[in-house]
Each structure stands twice: as structure tokens, then as C-alpha cells.
Amino acid sequence: MIEEVLKVFILEDLKTDLELTKRQVLKYQAKTTFTTANNKASFYEKISWFKPDVVISDYTLPDFNGLHALLHLKEMMPDVPFIFLTGTLNNDEKVAHAILQGADGFLVKQNLKKLPSVIKEVIDKKNAKLEAAKMIAEQERQRKVLLNKLEAKIASLDKCAAKQEVLQIVKELQVVT
């Protein structure tokens, strides 16, 4: 269970489905802040200022569909998980297309009780990616520090042709990486 407040954006046009979705999210995390939208204009406006931890979206909405919302979100906030929660998208080909476009999860509304586990799965996956990116960045930082130390050490050696060759190799390493 997460100890901090979970920020959830829900894109849903049916009020009853919205309330049922909120209940399931609260089963995953009691400390949750919700922002909701039920159409394209509201989604575009609110997603620009609300920085969610996860977005849950219906696929079929009155003036656009969840796929457009997904593509907009991934353009603005590529690391935010996006879950389709829909009653109408039951075609395997459309589901596969949605996943390939960047959706992190998919759930049919008839299986709404599984939403807490889907949220946990996509957030765990996001956190693992962020942790891996931090490790890579730290390794890169350490590599640069070592290259700088090596270059400084070589520069302090007596003048010779080998020293110049080694310095050139270090510079090439810095450019390549």
C-alpha cells in the first residue's frame, strides 16, 4: 500500500461508472485525490494542470475516444500510466491496438473489482522503470567522474607521445558516451 496521496485522473462520461471507479480506486489507496473529466475540452484543460500518478479512461466518450486521450497524455507525460476501463471495447484487435499505442492496462467494466490490482501492477511497473533510470543515470555520472579523474591524472604525467595518444582516447570516449 502506498503511504502518500495517490493522484488519479478519471475520464468517464457516466456518473454512476465514475462513482464505481472511485470506490475501487479507494480500495487500492484510501488517500486519493481525484480529478475527473467527461469530455474532450475538460480533459485537455484539467490534464494540463493536474499531474496524476495514473489515468483511468473510458474508451468511448461523447466527443472523442480514450485513444486520443492516451496519445495526448503520452505526448505530455510519457511516464504516467494509462488504464482503459471500458464496457464497449471488447474487440481483441482494438485492445491490442490500444496497448500498442501506449496503454499500460486494460479492464472491462464487468471486471471492475480487478481495478485495484491493475492499478498496483501499472504503478509498480512505473516505479521499477524510474528506479532503473535512476540507476543508469548514477552509473553514467560515476563513469564521467572516472573519465575526468583519468584525464586529470594523465595530464599530470610528463610530456610524451603516449600521453597525448591516451588523452585523445579519453576525449573520444567522452564524445562517444
C-alpha atoms as a PDB file:
ATOM      1  CA  MET A   1       0.000   0.000   0.000  1.00  0.00           C
ATOM      2  CA  ILE A   2       1.215   3.484  -0.806  1.00  0.00           C
ATOM      3  CA  GLU A   3       1.629   5.848   2.156  1.00  0.00           C
ATOM      4  CA  GLU A   4       1.448   9.096   0.191  1.00  0.00           C
ATOM      5  CA  VAL A   5      -1.599  10.553  -1.569  1.00  0.00           C
ATOM      6  CA  LEU A   6      -2.352   8.913  -4.898  1.00  0.00           C
ATOM      7  CA  LYS A   7      -3.406  11.348  -7.632  1.00  0.00           C
ATOM      8  CA  VAL A   8      -5.879   9.783 -10.068  1.00  0.00           C
ATOM      9  CA  PHE A   9      -7.384  11.345 -13.181  1.00  0.00           C
ATOM     10  CA  ILE A  10     -10.597   9.660 -14.362  1.00  0.00           C
ATOM     11  CA  LEU A  11     -12.015  10.291 -17.831  1.00  0.00           C
ATOM     12  CA  GLU A  12     -15.587   8.989 -17.744  1.00  0.00           C
ATOM     13  CA  ASP A  13     -18.882  10.362 -19.069  1.00  0.00           C
ATOM     14  CA  LEU A  14     -21.289   8.237 -16.969  1.00  0.00           C
ATOM     15  CA  LYS A  15     -21.700   9.479 -13.402  1.00  0.00           C
ATOM     16  CA  THR A  16     -22.543   6.024 -11.978  1.00  0.00           C
ATOM     17  CA  ASP A  17     -19.475   4.457 -13.612  1.00  0.00           C
ATOM     18  CA  LEU A  18     -17.362   7.322 -12.286  1.00  0.00           C
ATOM     19  CA  GLU A  19     -18.510   6.694  -8.709  1.00  0.00           C
ATOM     20  CA  LEU A  20     -17.991   2.929  -9.013  1.00  0.00           C
ATOM     21  CA  THR A  21     -14.484   3.534 -10.354  1.00  0.00           C
ATOM     22  CA  LYS A  22     -13.654   5.871  -7.473  1.00  0.00           C
ATOM     23  CA  ARG A  23     -14.782   3.223  -4.968  1.00  0.00           C
ATOM     24  CA  GLN A  24     -12.453   0.647  -6.492  1.00  0.00           C
ATOM     25  CA  VAL A  25      -9.527   3.079  -6.537  1.00  0.00           C
ATOM     26  CA  LEU A  26     -10.125   3.811  -2.856  1.00  0.00           C
ATOM     27  CA  LYS A  27      -9.825   0.070  -2.165  1.00  0.00           C
ATOM     28  CA  TYR A  28      -6.296   0.284  -3.548  1.00  0.00           C
ATOM     29  CA  GLN A  29      -5.402   3.548  -1.785  1.00  0.00           C
ATOM     30  CA  ALA A  30      -7.608   5.285   0.750  1.00  0.00           C
ATOM     31  CA  LYS A  31      -5.591   8.508   0.469  1.00  0.00           C
ATOM     32  CA  THR A  32      -6.519   9.516  -3.075  1.00  0.00           C
ATOM     33  CA  THR A  33      -7.118  12.813  -4.835  1.00  0.00           C
ATOM     34  CA  PHE A  34      -9.361  12.635  -7.879  1.00  0.00           C
ATOM     35  CA  THR A  35      -9.703  14.915 -10.864  1.00  0.00           C
ATOM     36  CA  THR A  36     -12.336  13.988 -13.404  1.00  0.00           C
ATOM     37  CA  ALA A  37     -13.415  14.945 -16.895  1.00  0.00           C
ATOM     38  CA  ASN A  38     -16.308  13.789 -19.043  1.00  0.00           C
ATOM     39  CA  ASN A  39     -15.405  15.309 -22.416  1.00  0.00           C
ATOM     40  CA  LYS A  40     -12.503  16.384 -24.605  1.00  0.00           C
ATOM     41  CA  ALA A  41     -12.330  20.057 -23.577  1.00  0.00           C
ATOM     42  CA  SER A  42     -12.452  19.243 -19.877  1.00  0.00           C
ATOM     43  CA  PHE A  43      -9.789  16.550 -20.241  1.00  0.00           C
ATOM     44  CA  TYR A  44      -7.393  18.816 -22.161  1.00  0.00           C
ATOM     45  CA  GLU A  45      -7.855  21.659 -19.691  1.00  0.00           C
ATOM     46  CA  LYS A  46      -7.510  19.639 -16.497  1.00  0.00           C
ATOM     47  CA  ILE A  47      -4.671  17.354 -17.605  1.00  0.00           C
ATOM     48  CA  SER A  48      -2.578  20.471 -18.281  1.00  0.00           C
ATOM     49  CA  TRP A  49      -2.526  21.424 -14.571  1.00  0.00           C
ATOM     50  CA  PHE A  50      -3.213  18.148 -12.742  1.00  0.00           C
ATOM     51  CA  LYS A  51      -0.153  15.913 -12.625  1.00  0.00           C
ATOM     52  CA  PRO A  52      -1.647  12.458 -11.989  1.00  0.00           C
ATOM     53  CA  ASP A  53       0.028   9.289 -10.811  1.00  0.00           C
ATOM     54  CA  VAL A  54      -2.339   7.314 -13.040  1.00  0.00           C
ATOM     55  CA  VAL A  55      -5.086   7.999 -15.609  1.00  0.00           C
ATOM     56  CA  ILE A  56      -8.146   5.767 -15.886  1.00  0.00           C
ATOM     57  CA  SER A  57     -10.218   6.314 -19.015  1.00  0.00           C
ATOM     58  CA  ASP A  58     -13.320   5.018 -20.676  1.00  0.00           C
ATOM     59  CA  TYR A  59     -12.763   4.274 -24.357  1.00  0.00           C
ATOM     60  CA  THR A  60     -15.987   5.698 -25.769  1.00  0.00           C
ATOM     61  CA  LEU A  61     -16.873   9.289 -24.870  1.00  0.00           C
ATOM     62  CA  PRO A  62     -19.374  11.716 -26.440  1.00  0.00           C
ATOM     63  CA  ASP A  63     -16.937  13.929 -28.360  1.00  0.00           C
ATOM     64  CA  PHE A  64     -13.782  11.822 -28.647  1.00  0.00           C
ATOM     65  CA  ASN A  65     -12.356   8.475 -27.579  1.00  0.00           C
ATOM     66  CA  GLY A  66      -9.913   7.239 -24.997  1.00  0.00           C
ATOM     67  CA  LEU A  67      -7.272   6.510 -27.611  1.00  0.00           C
ATOM     68  CA  HIS A  68      -6.994  10.239 -28.373  1.00  0.00           C
ATOM     69  CA  ALA A  69      -6.726  10.916 -24.635  1.00  0.00           C
ATOM     70  CA  LEU A  70      -3.989   8.273 -24.359  1.00  0.00           C
ATOM     71  CA  LEU A  71      -1.974   9.752 -27.220  1.00  0.00           C
ATOM     72  CA  HIS A  72      -2.318  13.267 -25.769  1.00  0.00           C
ATOM     73  CA  LEU A  73      -1.211  12.103 -22.326  1.00  0.00           C
ATOM     74  CA  LYS A  74       1.780  10.140 -23.643  1.00  0.00           C
ATOM     75  CA  GLU A  75       2.885  13.207 -25.585  1.00  0.00           C
ATOM     76  CA  MET A  76       2.673  15.451 -22.496  1.00  0.00           C
ATOM     77  CA  MET A  77       3.514  12.996 -19.685  1.00  0.00           C
ATOM     78  CA  PRO A  78       5.013   9.804 -21.108  1.00  0.00           C
ATOM     79  CA  ASP A  79       5.718   8.240 -17.702  1.00  0.00           C
ATOM     80  CA  VAL A  80       2.147   8.464 -16.369  1.00  0.00           C
ATOM     81  CA  PRO A  81       0.398   5.064 -16.530  1.00  0.00           C
ATOM     82  CA  PHE A  82      -2.845   4.952 -18.532  1.00  0.00           C
ATOM     83  CA  ILE A  83      -5.541   2.335 -17.913  1.00  0.00           C
ATOM     84  CA  PHE A  84      -8.524   1.766 -20.178  1.00  0.00           C
ATOM     85  CA  LEU A  85     -11.665   0.898 -18.220  1.00  0.00           C
ATOM     86  CA  THR A  86     -14.432   0.334 -20.689  1.00  0.00           C
ATOM     87  CA  GLY A  87     -17.633  -1.525 -21.378  1.00  0.00           C
ATOM     88  CA  THR A  88     -17.549  -1.162 -25.143  1.00  0.00           C
ATOM     89  CA  LEU A  89     -14.030  -2.080 -26.234  1.00  0.00           C
ATOM     90  CA  ASN A  90     -14.225  -5.856 -26.312  1.00  0.00           C
ATOM     91  CA  ASN A  91     -12.709  -6.414 -29.734  1.00  0.00           C
ATOM     92  CA  ASP A  92      -9.296  -8.114 -29.343  1.00  0.00           C
ATOM     93  CA  GLU A  93      -7.835  -6.182 -32.266  1.00  0.00           C
ATOM     94  CA  LYS A  94      -8.855  -2.804 -30.761  1.00  0.00           C
ATOM     95  CA  VAL A  95      -7.475  -3.834 -27.373  1.00  0.00           C
ATOM     96  CA  ALA A  96      -4.152  -4.813 -28.943  1.00  0.00           C
ATOM     97  CA  HIS A  97      -4.051  -1.523 -30.856  1.00  0.00           C
ATOM     98  CA  ALA A  98      -4.719   0.457 -27.660  1.00  0.00           C
ATOM     99  CA  ILE A  99      -1.952  -1.381 -25.813  1.00  0.00           C
ATOM    100  CA  LEU A 100       0.469  -0.813 -28.685  1.00  0.00           C
ATOM    101  CA  GLN A 101      -0.323   2.904 -28.581  1.00  0.00           C
ATOM    102  CA  GLY A 102       0.979   3.027 -25.018  1.00  0.00           C
ATOM    103  CA  ALA A 103      -1.823   1.946 -22.694  1.00  0.00           C
ATOM    104  CA  ASP A 104      -0.402   0.341 -19.572  1.00  0.00           C
ATOM    105  CA  GLY A 105      -3.538  -1.547 -18.631  1.00  0.00           C
ATOM    106  CA  PHE A 106      -6.935  -2.579 -19.878  1.00  0.00           C
ATOM    107  CA  LEU A 107     -10.007  -3.667 -17.978  1.00  0.00           C
ATOM    108  CA  VAL A 108     -13.611  -4.302 -18.980  1.00  0.00           C
ATOM    109  CA  LYS A 109     -16.112  -2.636 -16.647  1.00  0.00           C
ATOM    110  CA  GLN A 110     -17.691  -6.011 -15.889  1.00  0.00           C
ATOM    111  CA  ASN A 111     -14.393  -6.852 -14.124  1.00  0.00           C
ATOM    112  CA  LEU A 112     -14.233  -3.577 -12.190  1.00  0.00           C
ATOM    113  CA  LYS A 113     -13.292  -5.386  -8.964  1.00  0.00           C
ATOM    114  CA  LYS A 114      -9.899  -6.139 -10.519  1.00  0.00           C
ATOM    115  CA  LEU A 115      -9.098  -2.425 -10.839  1.00  0.00           C
ATOM    116  CA  PRO A 116      -7.080  -2.205  -7.579  1.00  0.00           C
ATOM    117  CA  SER A 117      -4.740  -4.979  -8.763  1.00  0.00           C
ATOM    118  CA  VAL A 118      -4.380  -3.393 -12.229  1.00  0.00           C
ATOM    119  CA  ILE A 119      -3.511  -0.043 -10.626  1.00  0.00           C
ATOM    120  CA  LYS A 120      -0.942  -1.738  -8.383  1.00  0.00           C
ATOM    121  CA  GLU A 121       0.582  -3.515 -11.375  1.00  0.00           C
ATOM    122  CA  VAL A 122       0.970  -0.388 -13.533  1.00  0.00           C
ATOM    123  CA  ILE A 123       2.286   1.758 -10.680  1.00  0.00           C
ATOM    124  CA  ASP A 124       4.781  -0.941  -9.644  1.00  0.00           C
ATOM    125  CA  LYS A 125       5.924  -1.172 -13.264  1.00  0.00           C
ATOM    126  CA  LYS A 126       6.287   2.642 -13.461  1.00  0.00           C
ATOM    127  CA  ASN A 127       8.286   2.724 -10.213  1.00  0.00           C
ATOM    128  CA  ALA A 128      10.575  -0.059 -11.426  1.00  0.00           C
ATOM    129  CA  LYS A 129      11.257   1.873 -14.655  1.00  0.00           C
ATOM    130  CA  LEU A 130      12.007   5.050 -12.709  1.00  0.00           C
ATOM    131  CA  GLU A 131      14.343   3.166 -10.379  1.00  0.00           C
ATOM    132  CA  ALA A 132      16.165   1.601 -13.346  1.00  0.00           C
ATOM    133  CA  ALA A 133      16.515   5.034 -14.974  1.00  0.00           C
ATOM    134  CA  LYS A 134      17.968   6.435 -11.740  1.00  0.00           C
ATOM    135  CA  MET A 135      20.495   3.591 -11.590  1.00  0.00           C
ATOM    136  CA  ILE A 136      21.536   4.186 -15.197  1.00  0.00           C
ATOM    137  CA  ALA A 137      21.889   7.932 -14.578  1.00  0.00           C
ATOM    138  CA  GLU A 138      24.024   7.265 -11.486  1.00  0.00           C
ATOM    139  CA  GLN A 139      26.228   4.826 -13.405  1.00  0.00           C
ATOM    140  CA  GLU A 140      26.636   7.435 -16.148  1.00  0.00           C
ATOM    141  CA  ARG A 141      27.562  10.096 -13.580  1.00  0.00           C
ATOM    142  CA  GLN A 142      30.146   7.779 -11.995  1.00  0.00           C
ATOM    143  CA  ARG A 143      31.588   6.907 -15.403  1.00  0.00           C
ATOM    144  CA  LYS A 144      32.021  10.601 -16.240  1.00  0.00           C
ATOM    145  CA  VAL A 145      33.716  11.253 -12.900  1.00  0.00           C
ATOM    146  CA  LEU A 146      36.157   8.394 -13.517  1.00  0.00           C
ATOM    147  CA  LEU A 147      36.911   9.643 -17.037  1.00  0.00           C
ATOM    148  CA  ASN A 148      37.580  13.123 -15.658  1.00  0.00           C
ATOM    149  CA  LYS A 149      39.897  11.680 -12.980  1.00  0.00           C
ATOM    150  CA  LEU A 150      41.718   9.639 -15.605  1.00  0.00           C
ATOM    151  CA  GLU A 151      42.125  12.659 -17.851  1.00  0.00           C
ATOM    152  CA  ALA A 152      43.464  14.768 -14.968  1.00  0.00           C
ATOM    153  CA  LYS A 153      45.907  12.038 -13.936  1.00  0.00           C
ATOM    154  CA  ILE A 154      47.183  11.619 -17.486  1.00  0.00           C
ATOM    155  CA  ALA A 155      47.550  15.394 -17.886  1.00  0.00           C
ATOM    156  CA  SER A 156      49.776  15.482 -14.804  1.00  0.00           C
ATOM    157  CA  LEU A 157      52.245  12.983 -16.315  1.00  0.00           C
ATOM    158  CA  ASP A 158      55.417  14.033 -18.068  1.00  0.00           C
ATOM    159  CA  LYS A 159      55.130  15.047 -21.698  1.00  0.00           C
ATOM    160  CA  CYS A 160      55.397  12.186 -24.117  1.00  0.00           C
ATOM    161  CA  ALA A 161      53.740  10.933 -27.289  1.00  0.00           C
ATOM    162  CA  ALA A 162      51.951   8.105 -25.445  1.00  0.00           C
ATOM    163  CA  LYS A 163      50.395  10.630 -23.059  1.00  0.00           C
ATOM    164  CA  GLN A 164      48.934  12.588 -25.993  1.00  0.00           C
ATOM    165  CA  GLU A 165      47.541   9.379 -27.528  1.00  0.00           C
ATOM    166  CA  VAL A 166      45.900   8.370 -24.232  1.00  0.00           C
ATOM    167  CA  LEU A 167      44.411  11.856 -23.777  1.00  0.00           C
ATOM    168  CA  GLN A 168      42.967  11.636 -27.288  1.00  0.00           C
ATOM    169  CA  ILE A 169      41.384   8.253 -26.486  1.00  0.00           C
ATOM    170  CA  VAL A 170      39.835   9.690 -23.297  1.00  0.00           C
ATOM    171  CA  LYS A 171      38.361  12.593 -25.280  1.00  0.00           C
ATOM    172  CA  GLU A 172      36.931  10.178 -27.835  1.00  0.00           C
ATOM    173  CA  LEU A 173      35.392   8.129 -25.019  1.00  0.00           C
ATOM    174  CA  GLN A 174      33.732  11.252 -23.659  1.00  0.00           C
ATOM    175  CA  VAL A 175      32.243  12.066 -27.077  1.00  0.00           C
ATOM    176  CA  VAL A 176      31.000   8.512 -27.682  1.00  0.00           C
ATOM    177  CA  THR A 177      29.293   8.176 -24.292  1.00  0.00           C
END
